[in-house]
């Protein structure tokens, strides 16, 4: 068996062990208010990191391009409580318009 397959097997066993470890956490710990509050912030942090990486980087460089305009439009519409689909269309359209104007 090659080193690649040993690595795949090690990752699979590690993932299974991590999942099993998570299932063995007592309910007392999971129902603690601090745990519940921290778990509520995890998706927000992951989404913010994804937006930062996809919106402001190109490879290894930080860039400000048409995507920033789309993010700004989406942020303003989100603040104004516009529903998701019109917000998405407006952000995509504004990004496309800036890209078209720029070149």
C-alpha atoms as a PDB file:
ATOM      1  CA  UNK A   1       0.000   0.000   0.000  1.00  0.00           C
ATOM      2  CA  UNK A   2       1.376   3.422  -0.943  1.00  0.00           C
ATOM      3  CA  UNK A   3       1.972   6.323   1.421  1.00  0.00           C
ATOM      4  CA  UNK A   4      -1.083   8.077  -0.014  1.00  0.00           C
ATOM      5  CA  UNK A   5      -3.410   5.255   1.014  1.00  0.00           C
ATOM      6  CA  UNK A   6      -1.855   5.078   4.472  1.00  0.00           C
ATOM      7  CA  UNK A   7      -2.562   8.799   4.773  1.00  0.00           C
ATOM      8  CA  UNK A   8      -6.170   8.343   3.604  1.00  0.00           C
ATOM      9  CA  UNK A   9      -6.646   5.519   6.095  1.00  0.00           C
ATOM     10  CA  UNK A  10      -5.139   7.573   8.934  1.00  0.00           C
ATOM     11  CA  UNK A  11      -7.422  10.525   8.158  1.00  0.00           C
ATOM     12  CA  UNK A  12     -10.482   8.258   7.992  1.00  0.00           C
ATOM     13  CA  UNK A  13      -9.667   6.680  11.365  1.00  0.00           C
ATOM     14  CA  UNK A  14      -8.971  10.122  12.833  1.00  0.00           C
ATOM     15  CA  UNK A  15     -12.293  11.505  11.584  1.00  0.00           C
ATOM     16  CA  UNK A  16     -14.176   8.517  12.982  1.00  0.00           C
ATOM     17  CA  UNK A  17     -12.415   8.875  16.343  1.00  0.00           C
ATOM     18  CA  UNK A  18     -13.196  12.593  16.465  1.00  0.00           C
ATOM     19  CA  UNK A  19     -16.864  11.911  15.689  1.00  0.00           C
ATOM     20  CA  UNK A  20     -16.968   9.214  18.376  1.00  0.00           C
ATOM     21  CA  UNK A  21     -15.336  11.582  20.856  1.00  0.00           C
ATOM     22  CA  UNK A  22     -17.980  14.211  20.103  1.00  0.00           C
ATOM     23  CA  UNK A  23     -20.756  11.702  20.746  1.00  0.00           C
ATOM     24  CA  UNK A  24     -19.278  10.787  24.116  1.00  0.00           C
ATOM     25  CA  UNK A  25     -19.455  14.336  25.526  1.00  0.00           C
ATOM     26  CA  UNK A  26     -21.915  14.377  28.441  1.00  0.00           C
ATOM     27  CA  UNK A  27     -25.210  16.257  28.059  1.00  0.00           C
ATOM     28  CA  UNK A  28     -24.280  18.411  31.050  1.00  0.00           C
ATOM     29  CA  UNK A  29     -21.432  19.940  29.043  1.00  0.00           C
ATOM     30  CA  UNK A  30     -23.480  20.330  25.852  1.00  0.00           C
ATOM     31  CA  UNK A  31     -26.389  22.016  27.620  1.00  0.00           C
ATOM     32  CA  UNK A  32     -24.198  24.530  29.465  1.00  0.00           C
ATOM     33  CA  UNK A  33     -25.146  28.127  28.453  1.00  0.00           C
ATOM     34  CA  UNK A  34     -21.566  29.033  27.543  1.00  0.00           C
ATOM     35  CA  UNK A  35     -21.265  25.995  25.259  1.00  0.00           C
ATOM     36  CA  UNK A  36     -24.560  26.807  23.553  1.00  0.00           C
ATOM     37  CA  UNK A  37     -23.561  30.444  23.056  1.00  0.00           C
ATOM     38  CA  UNK A  38     -20.131  29.530  21.673  1.00  0.00           C
ATOM     39  CA  UNK A  39     -21.698  26.975  19.313  1.00  0.00           C
ATOM     40  CA  UNK A  40     -24.011  29.703  18.028  1.00  0.00           C
ATOM     41  CA  UNK A  41     -21.051  31.848  16.990  1.00  0.00           C
ATOM     42  CA  UNK A  42     -19.177  29.142  15.067  1.00  0.00           C
ATOM     43  CA  UNK A  43     -21.240  29.371  11.839  1.00  0.00           C
ATOM     44  CA  UNK A  44     -20.958  33.164  11.877  1.00  0.00           C
ATOM     45  CA  UNK A  45     -17.179  33.006  12.188  1.00  0.00           C
ATOM     46  CA  UNK A  46     -16.859  30.388   9.456  1.00  0.00           C
ATOM     47  CA  UNK A  47     -19.089  32.380   7.101  1.00  0.00           C
ATOM     48  CA  UNK A  48     -17.142  35.582   7.794  1.00  0.00           C
ATOM     49  CA  UNK A  49     -13.867  33.797   7.050  1.00  0.00           C
ATOM     50  CA  UNK A  50     -15.286  32.396   3.807  1.00  0.00           C
ATOM     51  CA  UNK A  51     -16.503  35.842   2.714  1.00  0.00           C
ATOM     52  CA  UNK A  52     -13.121  37.385   3.541  1.00  0.00           C
ATOM     53  CA  UNK A  53     -11.172  34.764   1.616  1.00  0.00           C
ATOM     54  CA  UNK A  54     -13.469  34.673  -1.414  1.00  0.00           C
ATOM     55  CA  UNK A  55     -14.203  38.398  -1.509  1.00  0.00           C
ATOM     56  CA  UNK A  56     -10.857  40.009  -0.870  1.00  0.00           C
ATOM     57  CA  UNK A  57      -8.157  37.625  -2.092  1.00  0.00           C
ATOM     58  CA  UNK A  58      -6.799  36.412  -5.401  1.00  0.00           C
ATOM     59  CA  UNK A  59      -4.394  33.577  -4.846  1.00  0.00           C
ATOM     60  CA  UNK A  60      -1.945  34.851  -2.242  1.00  0.00           C
ATOM     61  CA  UNK A  61      -2.746  38.570  -2.628  1.00  0.00           C
ATOM     62  CA  UNK A  62      -5.342  40.822  -1.052  1.00  0.00           C
ATOM     63  CA  UNK A  63      -7.255  42.625  -3.805  1.00  0.00           C
ATOM     64  CA  UNK A  64     -10.054  45.153  -3.999  1.00  0.00           C
ATOM     65  CA  UNK A  65     -12.043  44.606  -7.174  1.00  0.00           C
ATOM     66  CA  UNK A  66     -15.645  44.372  -8.365  1.00  0.00           C
ATOM     67  CA  UNK A  67     -16.443  41.718  -5.760  1.00  0.00           C
ATOM     68  CA  UNK A  68     -16.141  44.364  -3.048  1.00  0.00           C
ATOM     69  CA  UNK A  69     -18.930  46.364  -4.690  1.00  0.00           C
ATOM     70  CA  UNK A  70     -21.158  43.285  -4.719  1.00  0.00           C
ATOM     71  CA  UNK A  71     -20.397  42.612  -1.057  1.00  0.00           C
ATOM     72  CA  UNK A  72     -21.160  46.232  -0.185  1.00  0.00           C
ATOM     73  CA  UNK A  73     -24.480  46.124  -2.044  1.00  0.00           C
ATOM     74  CA  UNK A  74     -25.381  42.864  -0.319  1.00  0.00           C
ATOM     75  CA  UNK A  75     -24.443  44.300   3.083  1.00  0.00           C
ATOM     76  CA  UNK A  76     -26.587  47.403   2.582  1.00  0.00           C
ATOM     77  CA  UNK A  77     -29.550  45.362   1.379  1.00  0.00           C
ATOM     78  CA  UNK A  78     -29.134  42.943   4.267  1.00  0.00           C
ATOM     79  CA  UNK A  79     -29.125  45.892   6.653  1.00  0.00           C
ATOM     80  CA  UNK A  80     -32.344  47.129   4.975  1.00  0.00           C
ATOM     81  CA  UNK A  81     -33.944  43.674   5.508  1.00  0.00           C
ATOM     82  CA  UNK A  82     -34.314  42.873   1.805  1.00  0.00           C
ATOM     83  CA  UNK A  83     -35.075  39.211   1.172  1.00  0.00           C
ATOM     84  CA  UNK A  84     -32.325  36.897  -0.019  1.00  0.00           C
ATOM     85  CA  UNK A  85     -33.095  36.443  -3.714  1.00  0.00           C
ATOM     86  CA  UNK A  86     -33.415  40.164  -4.608  1.00  0.00           C
ATOM     87  CA  UNK A  87     -30.285  40.847  -2.536  1.00  0.00           C
ATOM     88  CA  UNK A  88     -28.384  38.155  -4.413  1.00  0.00           C
ATOM     89  CA  UNK A  89     -29.536  39.445  -7.806  1.00  0.00           C
ATOM     90  CA  UNK A  90     -28.642  43.049  -6.944  1.00  0.00           C
ATOM     91  CA  UNK A  91     -25.192  42.075  -5.650  1.00  0.00           C
ATOM     92  CA  UNK A  92     -24.444  39.953  -8.715  1.00  0.00           C
ATOM     93  CA  UNK A  93     -25.733  42.641 -11.075  1.00  0.00           C
ATOM     94  CA  UNK A  94     -23.682  45.368  -9.419  1.00  0.00           C
ATOM     95  CA  UNK A  95     -20.559  43.205  -9.561  1.00  0.00           C
ATOM     96  CA  UNK A  96     -21.167  42.446 -13.236  1.00  0.00           C
ATOM     97  CA  UNK A  97     -21.788  46.126 -13.987  1.00  0.00           C
ATOM     98  CA  UNK A  98     -18.531  47.186 -12.334  1.00  0.00           C
ATOM     99  CA  UNK A  99     -16.627  44.456 -14.207  1.00  0.00           C
ATOM    100  CA  UNK A 100     -18.228  45.556 -17.473  1.00  0.00           C
ATOM    101  CA  UNK A 101     -17.378  49.216 -16.890  1.00  0.00           C
ATOM    102  CA  UNK A 102     -13.824  48.429 -15.776  1.00  0.00           C
ATOM    103  CA  UNK A 103     -12.973  46.525 -18.783  1.00  0.00           C
END
